[in-house]
Amino acid sequence: MGVKAWRKYIYSNILKPYSGRRDGELRIPQSPLGKDKYHMKNIKEKSKALASVAVCLAAGIAGSLFTYSSVKTWYPLLRKPFFNPPGWIFAPVWTFLYLLMGLSLFIVWMSRDVLPEIKKRAIFFFGIQLLLNVAWSFLFFGLRNPFLALAEIIILWFFIMSTFLLFKKISRTAAYMLLPYLAWVTFAIILNLSIAILN
């Protein structure tokens, strides 16, 4: 068999079944079932991402229910330290932080190369700190009790730190996404303490 005959044989029996539309372009064919599985997996991942962000944003909305009336009536009358931020800055900052928290949760939720016990513990601590986040708004703005809120936000800080350390064992990216949140709550503790002392 000549060289041309061998080339024709190799192309017809080996290359052609795996070629794309252009001659010589190798492409392993995928069955419709394989494409459907990939499509379903993609939908599930997007759903989990949306759910993770939605849970965090829902916590923010729940907290705002306690702050709405007090921000307009009680809070403006309080004596505040010189470093108190302007009122308009809180909503965009918290929205940004909740988005980061949601993405961080999603990364941990989707992680695979980790023991299930570690992942469950990390997500559990994340859920606790999220509830404590809402509770602070209730204590500070709902009950209008800065001292009680101060005690609670310190506990919140420790749970955020614990969540950060647990997330770091799973994904550094997910853990680092919590750092702006941790920094903001640290600042909130100082602000809360100052308001409690001044009033």
Protein backbone atom coordinates (compact mmCIF):
# COMPACT_ATOMS: atom_id res chain seq x y z
CA MET A 1 0.00 0.00 0.00
CA GLY A 2 1.42 3.35 -1.10
CA VAL A 3 1.84 6.50 1.00
CA LYS A 4 -1.26 8.16 -0.45
CA ALA A 5 -3.31 5.04 0.22
CA TRP A 6 -2.14 4.98 3.86
CA ARG A 7 -2.98 8.67 4.32
CA LYS A 8 -6.45 8.09 2.89
CA TYR A 9 -6.98 5.08 5.13
CA ILE A 10 -5.86 6.91 8.30
CA TYR A 11 -8.02 9.94 7.53
CA SER A 12 -11.12 7.93 6.60
CA ASN A 13 -10.98 5.46 9.51
CA ILE A 14 -9.30 7.40 12.34
CA LEU A 15 -9.37 11.14 11.85
CA LYS A 16 -12.66 11.73 10.08
CA PRO A 17 -14.98 10.30 12.78
CA TYR A 18 -13.53 12.84 15.26
CA SER A 19 -13.08 15.79 12.93
CA GLY A 20 -15.05 19.02 13.05
CA ARG A 21 -16.50 20.88 10.12
CA ARG A 22 -13.07 21.79 8.78
CA ASP A 23 -10.86 18.99 7.48
CA GLY A 24 -8.14 18.01 9.86
CA GLU A 25 -9.69 19.73 12.92
CA LEU A 26 -9.88 17.18 15.70
CA ARG A 27 -12.98 17.29 17.86
CA ILE A 28 -14.23 14.49 20.11
CA PRO A 29 -17.96 14.28 19.55
CA GLN A 30 -20.30 14.63 22.53
CA SER A 31 -23.57 12.82 22.79
CA PRO A 32 -26.77 14.84 23.31
CA LEU A 33 -27.02 13.24 26.77
CA GLY A 34 -23.59 14.58 27.70
CA LYS A 35 -24.56 18.08 26.61
CA ASP A 36 -27.79 17.87 28.62
CA LYS A 37 -25.87 16.82 31.73
CA TYR A 38 -23.47 19.73 31.30
CA HIS A 39 -26.39 22.11 30.78
CA MET A 40 -28.17 20.83 33.91
CA LYS A 41 -24.96 21.12 35.93
CA ASN A 42 -24.55 24.70 34.75
CA ILE A 43 -28.12 25.53 35.76
CA LYS A 44 -27.62 23.98 39.21
CA GLU A 45 -24.44 25.99 39.77
CA LYS A 46 -26.16 29.23 38.78
CA SER A 47 -29.09 28.38 41.04
CA LYS A 48 -26.77 27.78 43.99
CA ALA A 49 -24.96 31.06 43.30
CA LEU A 50 -28.25 32.97 43.22
CA ALA A 51 -29.46 31.20 46.36
CA SER A 52 -26.23 32.03 48.23
CA VAL A 53 -26.44 35.72 47.36
CA ALA A 54 -30.21 35.83 47.94
CA VAL A 55 -29.88 34.44 51.48
CA CYS A 56 -27.37 37.13 52.41
CA LEU A 57 -29.39 39.92 50.81
CA ALA A 58 -32.50 38.63 52.59
CA ALA A 59 -30.64 38.99 55.90
CA GLY A 60 -29.89 42.58 54.97
CA ILE A 61 -33.53 43.24 54.14
CA ALA A 62 -34.62 41.66 57.43
CA GLY A 63 -32.22 43.89 59.34
CA SER A 64 -33.44 46.99 57.50
CA LEU A 65 -36.97 46.36 58.80
CA PHE A 66 -35.69 47.22 62.28
CA THR A 67 -33.61 50.19 61.18
CA TYR A 68 -36.10 51.97 58.93
CA SER A 69 -38.05 53.92 61.53
CA SER A 70 -35.21 54.46 64.01
CA VAL A 71 -32.86 55.85 61.38
CA LYS A 72 -35.29 58.70 60.75
CA THR A 73 -36.39 59.39 64.32
CA TRP A 74 -34.16 58.00 67.09
CA TYR A 75 -30.69 57.68 65.53
CA PRO A 76 -30.33 61.32 64.34
CA LEU A 77 -30.86 62.51 67.94
CA LEU A 78 -27.98 60.48 69.35
CA ARG A 79 -24.62 62.04 70.11
CA LYS A 80 -22.03 60.50 67.77
CA PRO A 81 -18.23 60.54 67.48
CA PHE A 82 -16.48 62.71 64.93
CA PHE A 83 -15.70 59.67 62.71
CA ASN A 84 -19.35 58.71 62.31
CA PRO A 85 -19.93 58.07 58.56
CA PRO A 86 -22.67 59.95 56.68
CA GLY A 87 -25.99 58.09 56.67
CA TRP A 88 -26.09 57.53 52.90
CA ILE A 89 -22.96 55.35 52.95
CA PHE A 90 -24.41 52.47 54.97
CA ALA A 91 -26.81 51.05 52.35
CA PRO A 92 -24.29 50.70 49.48
CA VAL A 93 -21.57 49.39 51.80
CA TRP A 94 -23.80 46.73 53.32
CA THR A 95 -25.17 45.74 49.90
CA PHE A 96 -21.62 45.25 48.64
CA LEU A 97 -20.69 43.25 51.75
CA TYR A 98 -23.75 41.00 51.45
CA LEU A 99 -22.88 40.30 47.81
CA LEU A 100 -19.33 39.32 48.79
CA MET A 101 -20.67 37.13 51.59
CA GLY A 102 -23.01 35.38 49.19
CA LEU A 103 -20.25 34.69 46.66
CA SER A 104 -18.00 33.46 49.46
CA LEU A 105 -20.70 31.07 50.63
CA PHE A 106 -21.22 29.83 47.06
CA ILE A 107 -17.52 29.02 46.63
CA VAL A 108 -17.49 26.99 49.84
CA TRP A 109 -20.79 25.32 48.96
CA MET A 110 -19.45 24.19 45.57
CA SER A 111 -16.06 23.03 46.87
CA ARG A 112 -15.41 19.33 46.39
CA ASP A 113 -11.88 18.53 47.60
CA VAL A 114 -12.79 18.92 51.26
CA LEU A 115 -14.18 16.71 54.00
CA PRO A 116 -17.98 17.01 54.32
CA GLU A 117 -17.67 17.61 58.08
CA ILE A 118 -15.44 20.65 57.53
CA LYS A 119 -17.78 22.08 54.90
CA LYS A 120 -20.86 21.56 57.10
CA ARG A 121 -19.14 23.20 60.05
CA ALA A 122 -18.06 26.17 57.94
CA ILE A 123 -21.54 26.71 56.52
CA PHE A 124 -23.06 26.31 59.99
CA PHE A 125 -20.84 29.06 61.40
CA PHE A 126 -21.65 31.23 58.40
CA GLY A 127 -25.36 30.80 59.13
CA ILE A 128 -24.90 31.67 62.81
CA GLN A 129 -23.02 34.88 62.05
CA LEU A 130 -25.69 35.84 59.50
CA LEU A 131 -28.41 35.47 62.14
CA LEU A 132 -26.32 37.47 64.60
CA ASN A 133 -25.96 40.14 61.94
CA VAL A 134 -29.75 40.54 61.79
CA ALA A 135 -29.99 40.36 65.59
CA TRP A 136 -27.66 43.34 65.97
CA SER A 137 -30.02 45.53 63.92
CA PHE A 138 -32.88 44.41 66.13
CA LEU A 139 -31.00 45.21 69.36
CA PHE A 140 -29.51 48.52 68.27
CA PHE A 141 -32.30 50.01 66.15
CA GLY A 142 -35.29 47.89 67.12
CA LEU A 143 -34.83 47.93 70.90
CA ARG A 144 -32.71 51.11 70.72
CA ASN A 145 -30.24 49.62 73.18
CA PRO A 146 -26.61 50.42 72.19
CA PHE A 147 -25.13 48.61 75.23
CA LEU A 148 -26.92 45.34 74.50
CA ALA A 149 -26.07 45.70 70.83
CA LEU A 150 -22.41 46.23 71.74
CA ALA A 151 -22.26 42.94 73.63
CA GLU A 152 -23.92 41.17 70.73
CA ILE A 153 -21.72 42.64 67.99
CA ILE A 154 -18.59 41.46 69.83
CA ILE A 155 -20.00 37.93 69.71
CA LEU A 156 -20.79 38.50 66.04
CA TRP A 157 -17.16 39.50 65.39
CA PHE A 158 -15.87 36.23 66.89
CA PHE A 159 -18.26 34.19 64.75
CA ILE A 160 -17.17 36.07 61.62
CA MET A 161 -13.53 35.40 62.50
CA SER A 162 -14.32 31.72 63.11
CA THR A 163 -16.12 31.56 59.76
CA PHE A 164 -13.13 33.20 58.06
CA LEU A 165 -10.74 30.61 59.54
CA LEU A 166 -13.01 27.72 58.56
CA PHE A 167 -13.50 29.07 55.04
CA LYS A 168 -9.72 29.47 54.69
CA LYS A 169 -9.31 25.71 55.16
CA ILE A 170 -11.59 25.21 52.15
CA SER A 171 -10.86 28.17 49.88
CA ARG A 172 -8.58 31.15 50.40
CA THR A 173 -10.60 33.13 47.88
CA ALA A 174 -13.82 32.54 49.82
CA ALA A 175 -12.10 33.46 53.09
CA TYR A 176 -10.56 36.67 51.74
CA MET A 177 -13.97 37.77 50.48
CA LEU A 178 -15.02 37.99 54.13
CA LEU A 179 -12.21 40.37 55.09
CA PRO A 180 -14.04 43.59 54.09
CA TYR A 181 -17.00 42.39 56.16
CA LEU A 182 -14.75 41.65 59.13
CA ALA A 183 -13.10 45.07 58.81
CA TRP A 184 -16.47 46.86 58.63
CA VAL A 185 -17.82 45.04 61.70
CA THR A 186 -14.60 45.92 63.55
CA PHE A 187 -15.27 49.56 62.73
CA ALA A 188 -18.93 49.10 63.73
CA ILE A 189 -17.82 47.85 67.18
CA ILE A 190 -15.79 51.02 67.73
CA LEU A 191 -18.69 53.16 66.52
CA ASN A 192 -21.19 51.25 68.66
CA LEU A 193 -18.96 51.63 71.72
CA SER A 194 -18.56 55.36 71.14
CA ILE A 195 -22.30 55.89 70.78
CA ALA A 196 -22.97 53.85 73.91
CA ILE A 197 -20.51 55.95 75.92
CA LEU A 198 -21.72 59.29 74.54
CA ASN A 199 -25.36 58.52 75.22
